[in-house]
Amino acid sequence: MAFSNDLRTNPAYEIFRQNLAKAPSASWQGIAFRAAPLQYARLAKLLDGRGSLRFGGRWSAPGSFRAVNLSLTQETAIAESNGNFAHYGLPCDVRPKVIVAIRLSLQKVVDLVSPNGIGAEPWLRLSSLVSEDWREANDIGCEAMSQALGRAAHDCGADGLLTPSARVPGSTNLVFFPESLIDGASTEILGQEELERWLKKH
């Protein structure tokens, strides 16, 4: 997959892609959370992944593919939403936010977290991926190594990725790829009708 920007691809991508093509994946069902500032809380924006396509994230470089970053607990979702502020040494993001719960059923998820996942594989170096400063890599025109792994998972046909949280040790994030959902996969914003009514009033 080519970038729509001038980032140099990470040379680890091909190693990741070859290993992920042979690695096991599994379906995943459950509820995950997103904490979104009000301007991004519109139903059409919550799960479209366009924000990460434009700005990037730990597991997807800007201009590469759409990815939606969620957390398995509300507390982690809030902490993750403060990531940019913390990175640049700014005060905590105190803007009003909407915490949304999403029920997902994904068909092919790469698991970097559970003991029977691939997180311990020597070719992965998971701790380096989680601690990597992906913003700095992008700022100097390079795809971060963690972004190369996310791209490899996406290109191998996965529709999601379970990852450790870089912001909350011991917590788990879920990244899903809305344009790559496999037949049988689904996403549902819980309380969608109530949220829609609130948004119409504001």
N, C-alpha and C. Protein backbone atom coordinates (compact mmCIF):
# COMPACT_ATOMS: atom_id res chain seq x y z
N MET A 1 0.85 -1.20 0.00
CA MET A 1 0.00 0.00 0.00
C MET A 1 0.88 1.24 0.00
N ALA A 2 0.65 2.15 -0.92
CA ALA A 2 1.43 3.37 -1.03
C ALA A 2 0.85 4.46 -0.14
N PHE A 3 1.71 5.34 0.34
CA PHE A 3 1.27 6.48 1.12
C PHE A 3 0.79 7.59 0.19
N SER A 4 -0.12 8.43 0.69
CA SER A 4 -0.52 9.60 -0.05
C SER A 4 0.25 10.83 0.43
N ASN A 5 1.41 10.59 1.04
CA ASN A 5 2.27 11.68 1.49
C ASN A 5 3.71 11.29 1.19
N ASP A 6 4.64 12.04 1.74
CA ASP A 6 6.04 11.82 1.41
C ASP A 6 6.81 11.03 2.47
N LEU A 7 6.11 10.33 3.35
CA LEU A 7 6.81 9.55 4.36
C LEU A 7 7.61 8.41 3.71
N ARG A 8 8.79 8.18 4.23
CA ARG A 8 9.58 7.03 3.78
C ARG A 8 9.10 5.79 4.51
N THR A 9 8.85 4.73 3.77
CA THR A 9 8.36 3.50 4.39
C THR A 9 9.42 2.90 5.29
N ASN A 10 8.99 2.29 6.38
CA ASN A 10 9.91 1.67 7.32
C ASN A 10 10.40 0.33 6.78
N PRO A 11 11.71 0.09 6.81
CA PRO A 11 12.22 -1.17 6.25
C PRO A 11 11.75 -2.42 7.00
N ALA A 12 11.22 -2.25 8.22
CA ALA A 12 10.73 -3.41 8.97
C ALA A 12 9.41 -3.92 8.42
N TYR A 13 8.76 -3.14 7.57
CA TYR A 13 7.44 -3.53 7.07
C TYR A 13 7.45 -4.91 6.45
N GLU A 14 8.41 -5.21 5.59
CA GLU A 14 8.40 -6.48 4.87
C GLU A 14 8.59 -7.66 5.82
N ILE A 15 9.42 -7.48 6.85
CA ILE A 15 9.60 -8.53 7.86
C ILE A 15 8.29 -8.77 8.59
N PHE A 16 7.65 -7.68 8.98
CA PHE A 16 6.36 -7.80 9.66
C PHE A 16 5.34 -8.49 8.77
N ARG A 17 5.26 -8.08 7.53
CA ARG A 17 4.24 -8.64 6.63
C ARG A 17 4.45 -10.14 6.43
N GLN A 18 5.69 -10.56 6.25
CA GLN A 18 5.98 -11.98 6.03
C GLN A 18 5.62 -12.80 7.26
N ASN A 19 5.93 -12.29 8.45
CA ASN A 19 5.64 -13.03 9.67
C ASN A 19 4.14 -13.02 10.00
N LEU A 20 3.49 -11.92 9.77
CA LEU A 20 2.05 -11.85 10.06
C LEU A 20 1.25 -12.72 9.10
N ALA A 21 1.76 -12.88 7.89
CA ALA A 21 1.06 -13.74 6.94
C ALA A 21 1.01 -15.19 7.43
N LYS A 22 1.96 -15.56 8.30
CA LYS A 22 2.01 -16.92 8.83
C LYS A 22 1.47 -17.01 10.26
N ALA A 23 1.26 -15.87 10.89
CA ALA A 23 0.87 -15.86 12.30
C ALA A 23 -0.62 -16.12 12.46
N PRO A 24 -1.02 -16.71 13.58
CA PRO A 24 -2.46 -16.95 13.81
C PRO A 24 -3.19 -15.65 14.11
N SER A 25 -4.45 -15.63 13.76
CA SER A 25 -5.33 -14.53 14.13
C SER A 25 -6.65 -15.17 14.58
N ALA A 26 -7.50 -14.38 15.19
CA ALA A 26 -8.75 -14.94 15.69
C ALA A 26 -9.83 -13.88 15.64
N SER A 27 -11.06 -14.32 15.77
CA SER A 27 -12.16 -13.37 15.85
C SER A 27 -12.15 -12.71 17.23
N TRP A 28 -12.80 -11.58 17.34
CA TRP A 28 -12.90 -10.88 18.62
C TRP A 28 -14.26 -10.23 18.72
N GLN A 29 -14.92 -10.43 19.86
CA GLN A 29 -16.20 -9.79 20.13
C GLN A 29 -16.13 -9.13 21.50
N GLY A 30 -16.69 -7.95 21.60
CA GLY A 30 -16.70 -7.27 22.88
C GLY A 30 -17.07 -5.81 22.73
N ILE A 31 -16.88 -5.06 23.82
CA ILE A 31 -17.20 -3.64 23.86
C ILE A 31 -15.92 -2.86 24.09
N ALA A 32 -15.74 -1.80 23.31
CA ALA A 32 -14.59 -0.92 23.46
C ALA A 32 -15.10 0.52 23.51
N PHE A 33 -14.21 1.44 23.88
CA PHE A 33 -14.64 2.81 24.17
C PHE A 33 -13.78 3.82 23.41
N ARG A 34 -14.41 4.94 23.11
CA ARG A 34 -13.70 6.08 22.55
C ARG A 34 -14.12 7.33 23.28
N ALA A 35 -13.15 8.17 23.64
CA ALA A 35 -13.42 9.48 24.23
C ALA A 35 -13.12 10.52 23.17
N ALA A 36 -14.17 11.18 22.67
CA ALA A 36 -14.02 12.10 21.53
C ALA A 36 -14.40 13.51 21.93
N PRO A 37 -13.57 14.50 21.59
CA PRO A 37 -14.00 15.90 21.76
C PRO A 37 -15.30 16.14 21.00
N LEU A 38 -16.06 17.12 21.44
CA LEU A 38 -17.40 17.31 20.90
C LEU A 38 -17.41 17.50 19.39
N GLN A 39 -16.39 18.17 18.85
CA GLN A 39 -16.42 18.42 17.40
C GLN A 39 -16.23 17.14 16.59
N TYR A 40 -15.75 16.07 17.24
CA TYR A 40 -15.58 14.80 16.53
C TYR A 40 -16.62 13.76 16.95
N ALA A 41 -17.63 14.20 17.70
CA ALA A 41 -18.61 13.25 18.24
C ALA A 41 -19.77 13.00 17.29
N ARG A 42 -19.76 13.61 16.13
CA ARG A 42 -20.81 13.33 15.15
C ARG A 42 -20.76 11.86 14.76
N LEU A 43 -21.93 11.26 14.61
CA LEU A 43 -21.99 9.83 14.33
C LEU A 43 -21.19 9.46 13.08
N ALA A 44 -21.21 10.34 12.09
CA ALA A 44 -20.51 10.03 10.85
C ALA A 44 -18.99 10.03 11.03
N LYS A 45 -18.51 10.69 12.08
CA LYS A 45 -17.07 10.82 12.28
C LYS A 45 -16.51 9.84 13.30
N LEU A 46 -17.35 9.34 14.19
CA LEU A 46 -16.84 8.55 15.31
C LEU A 46 -16.08 7.32 14.88
N LEU A 47 -16.57 6.65 13.84
CA LEU A 47 -15.97 5.37 13.44
C LEU A 47 -15.52 5.35 11.99
N ASP A 48 -15.28 6.52 11.40
CA ASP A 48 -14.88 6.51 9.99
C ASP A 48 -13.37 6.41 9.79
N GLY A 49 -12.59 6.71 10.82
CA GLY A 49 -11.14 6.58 10.73
C GLY A 49 -10.45 7.65 9.91
N ARG A 50 -11.18 8.68 9.52
CA ARG A 50 -10.57 9.72 8.68
C ARG A 50 -9.56 10.57 9.45
N GLY A 51 -9.78 10.70 10.77
CA GLY A 51 -8.82 11.46 11.58
C GLY A 51 -7.45 10.82 11.57
N SER A 52 -7.40 9.50 11.76
CA SER A 52 -6.10 8.82 11.74
C SER A 52 -5.51 8.81 10.34
N LEU A 53 -6.35 8.75 9.32
CA LEU A 53 -5.84 8.80 7.95
C LEU A 53 -5.13 10.12 7.71
N ARG A 54 -5.67 11.18 8.27
CA ARG A 54 -5.07 12.51 8.06
C ARG A 54 -3.88 12.75 8.97
N PHE A 55 -4.02 12.41 10.26
CA PHE A 55 -3.01 12.79 11.24
C PHE A 55 -2.11 11.63 11.67
N GLY A 56 -2.54 10.40 11.43
CA GLY A 56 -1.77 9.25 11.86
C GLY A 56 -2.01 8.89 13.31
N GLY A 57 -1.42 7.79 13.72
CA GLY A 57 -1.50 7.31 15.08
C GLY A 57 -0.39 6.30 15.29
N ARG A 58 -0.32 5.71 16.47
CA ARG A 58 0.78 4.78 16.73
C ARG A 58 0.82 3.63 15.74
N TRP A 59 -0.34 3.16 15.30
CA TRP A 59 -0.36 1.95 14.46
C TRP A 59 -0.73 2.24 13.01
N SER A 60 -0.83 3.50 12.64
CA SER A 60 -1.13 3.83 11.24
C SER A 60 -0.52 5.19 10.92
N ALA A 61 0.27 5.23 9.88
CA ALA A 61 0.91 6.48 9.47
C ALA A 61 -0.10 7.37 8.76
N PRO A 62 0.07 8.68 8.84
CA PRO A 62 -0.81 9.55 8.08
C PRO A 62 -0.74 9.25 6.59
N GLY A 63 -1.91 9.19 5.95
CA GLY A 63 -1.95 8.92 4.53
C GLY A 63 -1.92 7.46 4.15
N SER A 64 -1.92 6.56 5.13
CA SER A 64 -1.78 5.14 4.80
C SER A 64 -3.14 4.44 4.67
N PHE A 65 -3.92 4.39 5.73
CA PHE A 65 -5.23 3.74 5.70
C PHE A 65 -6.03 4.23 6.90
N ARG A 66 -7.32 4.02 6.85
CA ARG A 66 -8.17 4.44 7.96
C ARG A 66 -8.04 3.46 9.13
N ALA A 67 -7.95 4.00 10.33
CA ALA A 67 -7.90 3.18 11.54
C ALA A 67 -8.67 3.91 12.63
N VAL A 68 -9.40 3.16 13.43
CA VAL A 68 -10.15 3.72 14.55
C VAL A 68 -9.53 3.17 15.83
N ASN A 69 -9.08 4.06 16.69
CA ASN A 69 -8.38 3.67 17.91
C ASN A 69 -9.34 3.71 19.10
N LEU A 70 -9.53 2.56 19.71
CA LEU A 70 -10.43 2.40 20.85
C LEU A 70 -9.67 1.81 22.02
N SER A 71 -10.30 1.81 23.19
CA SER A 71 -9.72 1.20 24.38
C SER A 71 -10.75 0.28 25.03
N LEU A 72 -10.25 -0.70 25.77
CA LEU A 72 -11.18 -1.66 26.36
C LEU A 72 -11.77 -1.19 27.68
N THR A 73 -11.31 -0.06 28.21
CA THR A 73 -11.94 0.55 29.39
C THR A 73 -12.14 2.04 29.13
N GLN A 74 -13.12 2.61 29.81
CA GLN A 74 -13.38 4.04 29.66
C GLN A 74 -12.20 4.87 30.15
N GLU A 75 -11.58 4.43 31.26
CA GLU A 75 -10.48 5.19 31.83
C GLU A 75 -9.30 5.27 30.85
N THR A 76 -9.02 4.15 30.19
CA THR A 76 -7.93 4.16 29.23
C THR A 76 -8.27 5.03 28.02
N ALA A 77 -9.52 4.99 27.59
CA ALA A 77 -9.94 5.82 26.46
C ALA A 77 -9.72 7.30 26.76
N ILE A 78 -10.02 7.73 27.98
CA ILE A 78 -9.81 9.13 28.36
C ILE A 78 -8.32 9.45 28.37
N ALA A 79 -7.52 8.56 28.94
CA ALA A 79 -6.07 8.80 28.97
C ALA A 79 -5.49 8.87 27.56
N GLU A 80 -5.96 7.99 26.69
CA GLU A 80 -5.46 7.99 25.31
C GLU A 80 -5.85 9.28 24.59
N SER A 81 -7.00 9.82 24.91
CA SER A 81 -7.45 11.04 24.23
C SER A 81 -6.61 12.24 24.60
N ASN A 82 -5.84 12.14 25.70
CA ASN A 82 -4.96 13.22 26.12
C ASN A 82 -3.55 13.07 25.56
N GLY A 83 -3.34 12.08 24.69
CA GLY A 83 -1.99 11.75 24.25
C GLY A 83 -1.25 12.90 23.60
N ASN A 84 -1.88 13.62 22.69
CA ASN A 84 -1.19 14.71 22.00
C ASN A 84 -0.80 15.82 22.96
N PHE A 85 -1.69 16.13 23.91
CA PHE A 85 -1.37 17.17 24.89
C PHE A 85 -0.17 16.76 25.73
N ALA A 86 -0.17 15.52 26.20
CA ALA A 86 0.94 15.05 27.03
C ALA A 86 2.25 15.03 26.25
N HIS A 87 2.19 14.62 25.00
CA HIS A 87 3.41 14.52 24.18
C HIS A 87 4.09 15.87 24.05
N TYR A 88 3.31 16.91 23.87
CA TYR A 88 3.89 18.23 23.65
C TYR A 88 4.01 19.04 24.94
N GLY A 89 3.82 18.38 26.08
CA GLY A 89 4.02 19.03 27.36
C GLY A 89 2.98 20.07 27.69
N LEU A 90 1.79 19.94 27.12
CA LEU A 90 0.72 20.90 27.36
C LEU A 90 -0.13 20.43 28.54
N PRO A 91 -0.87 21.35 29.16
CA PRO A 91 -1.77 20.94 30.24
C PRO A 91 -2.78 19.90 29.73
N CYS A 92 -3.35 19.18 30.65
CA CYS A 92 -4.32 18.14 30.30
C CYS A 92 -5.45 18.72 29.45
N ASP A 93 -5.88 17.97 28.48
CA ASP A 93 -6.98 18.37 27.61
C ASP A 93 -8.27 18.39 28.43
N VAL A 94 -8.77 19.58 28.69
CA VAL A 94 -9.97 19.71 29.53
C VAL A 94 -11.21 20.03 28.69
N ARG A 95 -11.10 19.91 27.37
CA ARG A 95 -12.28 20.14 26.54
C ARG A 95 -13.36 19.09 26.87
N PRO A 96 -14.64 19.48 26.78
CA PRO A 96 -15.70 18.48 26.98
C PRO A 96 -15.55 17.34 25.97
N LYS A 97 -15.84 16.13 26.43
CA LYS A 97 -15.73 14.97 25.56
C LYS A 97 -16.95 14.07 25.71
N VAL A 98 -17.18 13.32 24.69
CA VAL A 98 -18.22 12.30 24.71
C VAL A 98 -17.54 10.94 24.78
N ILE A 99 -17.92 10.13 25.77
CA ILE A 99 -17.39 8.77 25.87
C ILE A 99 -18.41 7.83 25.26
N VAL A 100 -18.00 7.14 24.22
CA VAL A 100 -18.91 6.30 23.46
C VAL A 100 -18.48 4.84 23.59
N ALA A 101 -19.45 3.97 23.81
CA ALA A 101 -19.19 2.54 23.85
C ALA A 101 -19.58 1.93 22.50
N ILE A 102 -18.72 1.08 21.99
CA ILE A 102 -18.96 0.44 20.70
C ILE A 102 -18.90 -1.06 20.86
N ARG A 103 -19.94 -1.75 20.41
CA ARG A 103 -19.92 -3.21 20.39
C ARG A 103 -19.36 -3.66 19.04
N LEU A 104 -18.32 -4.48 19.08
CA LEU A 104 -17.67 -4.92 17.85
C LEU A 104 -17.67 -6.43 17.75
N SER A 105 -17.77 -6.90 16.54
CA SER A 105 -17.55 -8.30 16.23
C SER A 105 -16.63 -8.33 15.03
N LEU A 106 -15.37 -8.65 15.27
CA LEU A 106 -14.35 -8.64 14.23
C LEU A 106 -13.95 -10.08 13.90
N GLN A 107 -13.54 -10.31 12.69
CA GLN A 107 -13.29 -11.67 12.23
C GLN A 107 -11.83 -12.08 12.21
N LYS A 108 -10.93 -11.12 12.06
CA LYS A 108 -9.51 -11.46 11.95
C LYS A 108 -8.69 -10.41 12.67
N VAL A 109 -8.40 -10.67 13.93
CA VAL A 109 -7.71 -9.71 14.78
C VAL A 109 -6.32 -10.23 15.13
N VAL A 110 -5.31 -9.40 14.93
CA VAL A 110 -3.95 -9.73 15.33
C VAL A 110 -3.80 -9.34 16.80
N ASP A 111 -3.47 -10.30 17.63
CA ASP A 111 -3.45 -10.12 19.08
C ASP A 111 -2.01 -9.96 19.56
N LEU A 112 -1.67 -8.75 20.01
CA LEU A 112 -0.34 -8.48 20.56
C LEU A 112 -0.32 -8.53 22.08
N VAL A 113 -1.44 -8.90 22.69
CA VAL A 113 -1.60 -8.76 24.13
C VAL A 113 -1.64 -10.09 24.87
N SER A 114 -2.49 -11.01 24.44
CA SER A 114 -2.71 -12.22 25.21
C SER A 114 -1.51 -13.16 25.13
N PRO A 115 -1.37 -14.04 26.14
CA PRO A 115 -0.23 -14.96 26.17
C PRO A 115 -0.12 -15.84 24.93
N ASN A 116 -1.25 -16.16 24.32
CA ASN A 116 -1.22 -17.00 23.13
C ASN A 116 -1.22 -16.19 21.84
N GLY A 117 -0.99 -14.87 21.98
CA GLY A 117 -0.85 -14.01 20.80
C GLY A 117 0.59 -14.01 20.31
N ILE A 118 0.93 -13.00 19.53
CA ILE A 118 2.27 -12.97 18.93
C ILE A 118 3.18 -11.92 19.59
N GLY A 119 2.70 -11.32 20.68
CA GLY A 119 3.46 -10.25 21.31
C GLY A 119 4.84 -10.63 21.79
N ALA A 120 5.05 -11.92 22.07
CA ALA A 120 6.35 -12.37 22.58
C ALA A 120 7.31 -12.82 21.47
N GLU A 121 6.87 -12.77 20.23
CA GLU A 121 7.73 -13.22 19.13
C GLU A 121 8.97 -12.34 19.03
N PRO A 122 10.16 -12.94 18.85
CA PRO A 122 11.40 -12.15 18.83
C PRO A 122 11.47 -11.16 17.67
N TRP A 123 10.79 -11.41 16.58
CA TRP A 123 10.83 -10.49 15.46
C TRP A 123 9.99 -9.24 15.69
N LEU A 124 9.20 -9.24 16.77
CA LEU A 124 8.26 -8.15 16.98
C LEU A 124 8.83 -7.02 17.84
N ARG A 125 9.53 -7.35 18.92
CA ARG A 125 10.05 -6.34 19.85
C ARG A 125 8.95 -5.37 20.29
N LEU A 126 7.93 -5.95 20.92
CA LEU A 126 6.73 -5.21 21.25
C LEU A 126 7.00 -4.01 22.14
N SER A 127 7.85 -4.16 23.14
CA SER A 127 8.10 -3.04 24.06
C SER A 127 8.65 -1.83 23.31
N SER A 128 9.46 -2.06 22.29
CA SER A 128 9.99 -0.95 21.50
C SER A 128 8.89 -0.27 20.69
N LEU A 129 7.96 -1.06 20.18
CA LEU A 129 6.87 -0.50 19.40
C LEU A 129 5.96 0.37 20.26
N VAL A 130 5.72 -0.08 21.50
CA VAL A 130 4.81 0.65 22.38
C VAL A 130 5.46 1.93 22.91
N SER A 131 6.77 1.92 23.10
CA SER A 131 7.46 3.10 23.65
C SER A 131 7.98 4.04 22.58
N GLU A 132 7.92 3.64 21.33
CA GLU A 132 8.46 4.43 20.23
C GLU A 132 7.76 5.79 20.13
N ASP A 133 8.52 6.82 19.80
CA ASP A 133 7.95 8.15 19.57
C ASP A 133 7.56 8.24 18.09
N TRP A 134 6.35 7.80 17.78
CA TRP A 134 5.94 7.76 16.38
C TRP A 134 5.77 9.15 15.79
N ARG A 135 5.41 10.11 16.62
CA ARG A 135 5.25 11.48 16.11
C ARG A 135 6.60 12.03 15.65
N GLU A 136 7.63 11.77 16.42
CA GLU A 136 8.96 12.24 16.04
C GLU A 136 9.41 11.62 14.73
N ALA A 137 9.14 10.31 14.56
CA ALA A 137 9.49 9.64 13.30
C ALA A 137 8.77 10.29 12.13
N ASN A 138 7.48 10.58 12.30
CA ASN A 138 6.73 11.22 11.23
C ASN A 138 7.22 12.63 10.95
N ASP A 139 7.61 13.34 12.01
CA ASP A 139 8.08 14.72 11.85
C ASP A 139 9.34 14.80 10.99
N ILE A 140 10.15 13.74 11.01
CA ILE A 140 11.37 13.75 10.19
C ILE A 140 11.17 12.99 8.87
N GLY A 141 9.89 12.69 8.56
CA GLY A 141 9.57 12.13 7.26
C GLY A 141 9.64 10.63 7.15
N CYS A 142 9.54 9.91 8.29
CA CYS A 142 9.65 8.45 8.27
C CYS A 142 8.39 7.80 8.84
N GLU A 143 8.05 6.66 8.32
CA GLU A 143 7.03 5.82 8.92
C GLU A 143 7.62 5.17 10.17
N ALA A 144 6.93 5.27 11.31
CA ALA A 144 7.41 4.64 12.53
C ALA A 144 7.32 3.12 12.41
N MET A 145 8.11 2.44 13.22
CA MET A 145 8.11 0.98 13.16
C MET A 145 6.75 0.42 13.58
N SER A 146 6.13 1.03 14.60
CA SER A 146 4.81 0.56 15.02
C SER A 146 3.79 0.77 13.91
N GLN A 147 3.93 1.85 13.16
CA GLN A 147 3.02 2.09 12.04
C GLN A 147 3.24 1.07 10.93
N ALA A 148 4.49 0.65 10.75
CA ALA A 148 4.77 -0.39 9.75
C ALA A 148 4.11 -1.70 10.14
N LEU A 149 4.09 -2.01 11.45
CA LEU A 149 3.41 -3.23 11.89
C LEU A 149 1.92 -3.14 11.64
N GLY A 150 1.31 -2.00 11.98
CA GLY A 150 -0.11 -1.82 11.72
C GLY A 150 -0.44 -1.94 10.24
N ARG A 151 0.40 -1.37 9.40
CA ARG A 151 0.18 -1.45 7.95
C ARG A 151 0.32 -2.89 7.47
N ALA A 152 1.28 -3.63 8.02
CA ALA A 152 1.45 -5.03 7.63
C ALA A 152 0.23 -5.84 8.02
N ALA A 153 -0.31 -5.59 9.23
CA ALA A 153 -1.52 -6.31 9.65
C ALA A 153 -2.68 -5.98 8.72
N HIS A 154 -2.83 -4.72 8.40
CA HIS A 154 -3.89 -4.28 7.49
C HIS A 154 -3.73 -4.95 6.12
N ASP A 155 -2.51 -4.97 5.61
CA ASP A 155 -2.28 -5.51 4.27
C ASP A 155 -2.38 -7.03 4.23
N CYS A 156 -2.27 -7.67 5.40
CA CYS A 156 -2.43 -9.13 5.46
C CYS A 156 -3.90 -9.53 5.63
N GLY A 157 -4.79 -8.57 5.59
CA GLY A 157 -6.21 -8.87 5.62
C GLY A 157 -6.86 -8.83 6.99
N ALA A 158 -6.13 -8.37 8.01
CA ALA A 158 -6.74 -8.26 9.34
C ALA A 158 -7.73 -7.11 9.34
N ASP A 159 -8.76 -7.22 10.19
CA ASP A 159 -9.67 -6.10 10.36
C ASP A 159 -9.51 -5.45 11.72
N GLY A 160 -8.51 -5.90 12.49
CA GLY A 160 -8.27 -5.27 13.78
C GLY A 160 -6.96 -5.71 14.40
N LEU A 161 -6.60 -4.99 15.47
CA LEU A 161 -5.32 -5.20 16.14
C LEU A 161 -5.54 -4.93 17.63
N LEU A 162 -5.24 -5.90 18.48
CA LEU A 162 -5.25 -5.70 19.93
C LEU A 162 -3.85 -5.35 20.39
N THR A 163 -3.70 -4.22 21.08
CA THR A 163 -2.37 -3.72 21.43
C THR A 163 -2.31 -3.27 22.88
N PRO A 164 -1.13 -3.29 23.48
CA PRO A 164 -0.99 -2.67 24.79
C PRO A 164 -1.15 -1.16 24.67
N SER A 165 -1.67 -0.55 25.71
CA SER A 165 -1.76 0.91 25.76
C SER A 165 -0.40 1.49 26.13
N ALA A 166 0.02 2.50 25.37
CA ALA A 166 1.26 3.19 25.71
C ALA A 166 1.04 4.20 26.83
N ARG A 167 -0.20 4.59 27.05
CA ARG A 167 -0.51 5.61 28.05
C ARG A 167 -0.83 5.02 29.41
N VAL A 168 -1.42 3.81 29.43
CA VAL A 168 -1.85 3.19 30.69
C VAL A 168 -1.26 1.79 30.75
N PRO A 169 -0.16 1.59 31.46
CA PRO A 169 0.45 0.26 31.53
C PRO A 169 -0.54 -0.79 32.01
N GLY A 170 -0.52 -1.93 31.32
CA GLY A 170 -1.41 -3.02 31.68
C GLY A 170 -2.78 -2.95 31.04
N SER A 171 -3.06 -1.87 30.35
CA SER A 171 -4.36 -1.74 29.68
C SER A 171 -4.23 -2.07 28.20
N THR A 172 -5.37 -2.27 27.57
CA THR A 172 -5.40 -2.76 26.19
C THR A 172 -6.20 -1.83 25.30
N ASN A 173 -5.68 -1.61 24.11
CA ASN A 173 -6.39 -0.85 23.08
C ASN A 173 -6.80 -1.79 21.95
N LEU A 174 -7.80 -1.37 21.22
CA LEU A 174 -8.25 -2.08 20.03
C LEU A 174 -8.24 -1.11 18.86
N VAL A 175 -7.53 -1.45 17.82
CA VAL A 175 -7.52 -0.66 16.59
C VAL A 175 -8.26 -1.48 15.53
N PHE A 176 -9.28 -0.88 14.92
CA PHE A 176 -9.92 -1.61 13.83
C PHE A 176 -9.89 -0.79 12.56
N PHE A 177 -9.97 -1.49 11.44
CA PHE A 177 -9.80 -0.88 10.13
C PHE A 177 -11.15 -0.88 9.41
N PRO A 178 -11.87 0.24 9.43
CA PRO A 178 -13.26 0.25 8.95
C PRO A 178 -13.43 -0.12 7.50
N GLU A 179 -12.42 0.10 6.67
CA GLU A 179 -12.54 -0.25 5.26
C GLU A 179 -12.17 -1.70 4.98
N SER A 180 -11.74 -2.41 6.02
CA SER A 180 -11.27 -3.78 5.83
C SER A 180 -12.12 -4.80 6.57
N LEU A 181 -13.29 -4.39 7.04
CA LEU A 181 -14.11 -5.32 7.80
C LEU A 181 -14.50 -6.52 6.93
N ILE A 182 -14.27 -7.68 7.46
CA ILE A 182 -14.52 -8.93 6.75
C ILE A 182 -16.01 -9.28 6.88
N ASP A 183 -16.52 -10.03 5.90
CA ASP A 183 -17.92 -10.46 5.96
C ASP A 183 -18.23 -11.08 7.32
N GLY A 184 -19.28 -10.61 7.93
CA GLY A 184 -19.65 -11.10 9.26
C GLY A 184 -19.22 -10.17 10.37
N ALA A 185 -18.31 -9.24 10.07
CA ALA A 185 -17.86 -8.28 11.08
C ALA A 185 -18.90 -7.17 11.22
N SER A 186 -18.96 -6.56 12.40
CA SER A 186 -19.93 -5.50 12.62
C SER A 186 -19.45 -4.57 13.72
N THR A 187 -19.95 -3.34 13.67
CA THR A 187 -19.71 -2.36 14.73
C THR A 187 -21.03 -1.68 15.03
N GLU A 188 -21.25 -1.39 16.31
CA GLU A 188 -22.51 -0.76 16.73
C GLU A 188 -22.21 0.22 17.85
N ILE A 189 -22.56 1.48 17.64
CA ILE A 189 -22.43 2.48 18.70
C ILE A 189 -23.60 2.29 19.66
N LEU A 190 -23.29 1.96 20.90
CA LEU A 190 -24.35 1.74 21.90
C LEU A 190 -24.94 3.08 22.32
N GLY A 191 -26.23 3.13 22.44
CA GLY A 191 -26.90 4.39 22.76
C GLY A 191 -26.89 5.37 21.61
N GLN A 192 -26.81 4.87 20.40
CA GLN A 192 -26.69 5.74 19.23
C GLN A 192 -27.88 6.69 19.09
N GLU A 193 -29.08 6.19 19.32
CA GLU A 193 -30.26 7.04 19.17
C GLU A 193 -30.24 8.19 20.18
N GLU A 194 -29.84 7.90 21.40
CA GLU A 194 -29.78 8.94 22.42
C GLU A 194 -28.71 9.98 22.06
N LEU A 195 -27.56 9.49 21.59
CA LEU A 195 -26.50 10.40 21.17
C LEU A 195 -26.96 11.26 20.01
N GLU A 196 -27.66 10.66 19.07
CA GLU A 196 -28.15 11.40 17.91
C GLU A 196 -29.14 12.50 18.32
N ARG A 197 -30.01 12.18 19.27
CA ARG A 197 -30.95 13.20 19.76
C ARG A 197 -30.21 14.35 20.42
N TRP A 198 -29.19 14.04 21.20
CA TRP A 198 -28.41 15.09 21.88
C TRP A 198 -27.69 15.96 20.86
N LEU A 199 -27.10 15.34 19.85
CA LEU A 199 -26.36 16.09 18.85
C LEU A 199 -27.28 17.03 18.06
N LYS A 200 -28.51 16.60 17.81
CA LYS A 200 -29.45 17.44 17.07
C LYS A 200 -29.83 18.68 17.87
N LYS A 201 -29.78 18.57 19.18
CA LYS A 201 -30.12 19.71 20.03
C LYS A 201 -28.96 20.67 20.18
N HIS A 202 -27.78 20.23 19.81
CA HIS A 202 -26.60 21.07 20.01
C HIS A 202 -25.88 21.31 18.70
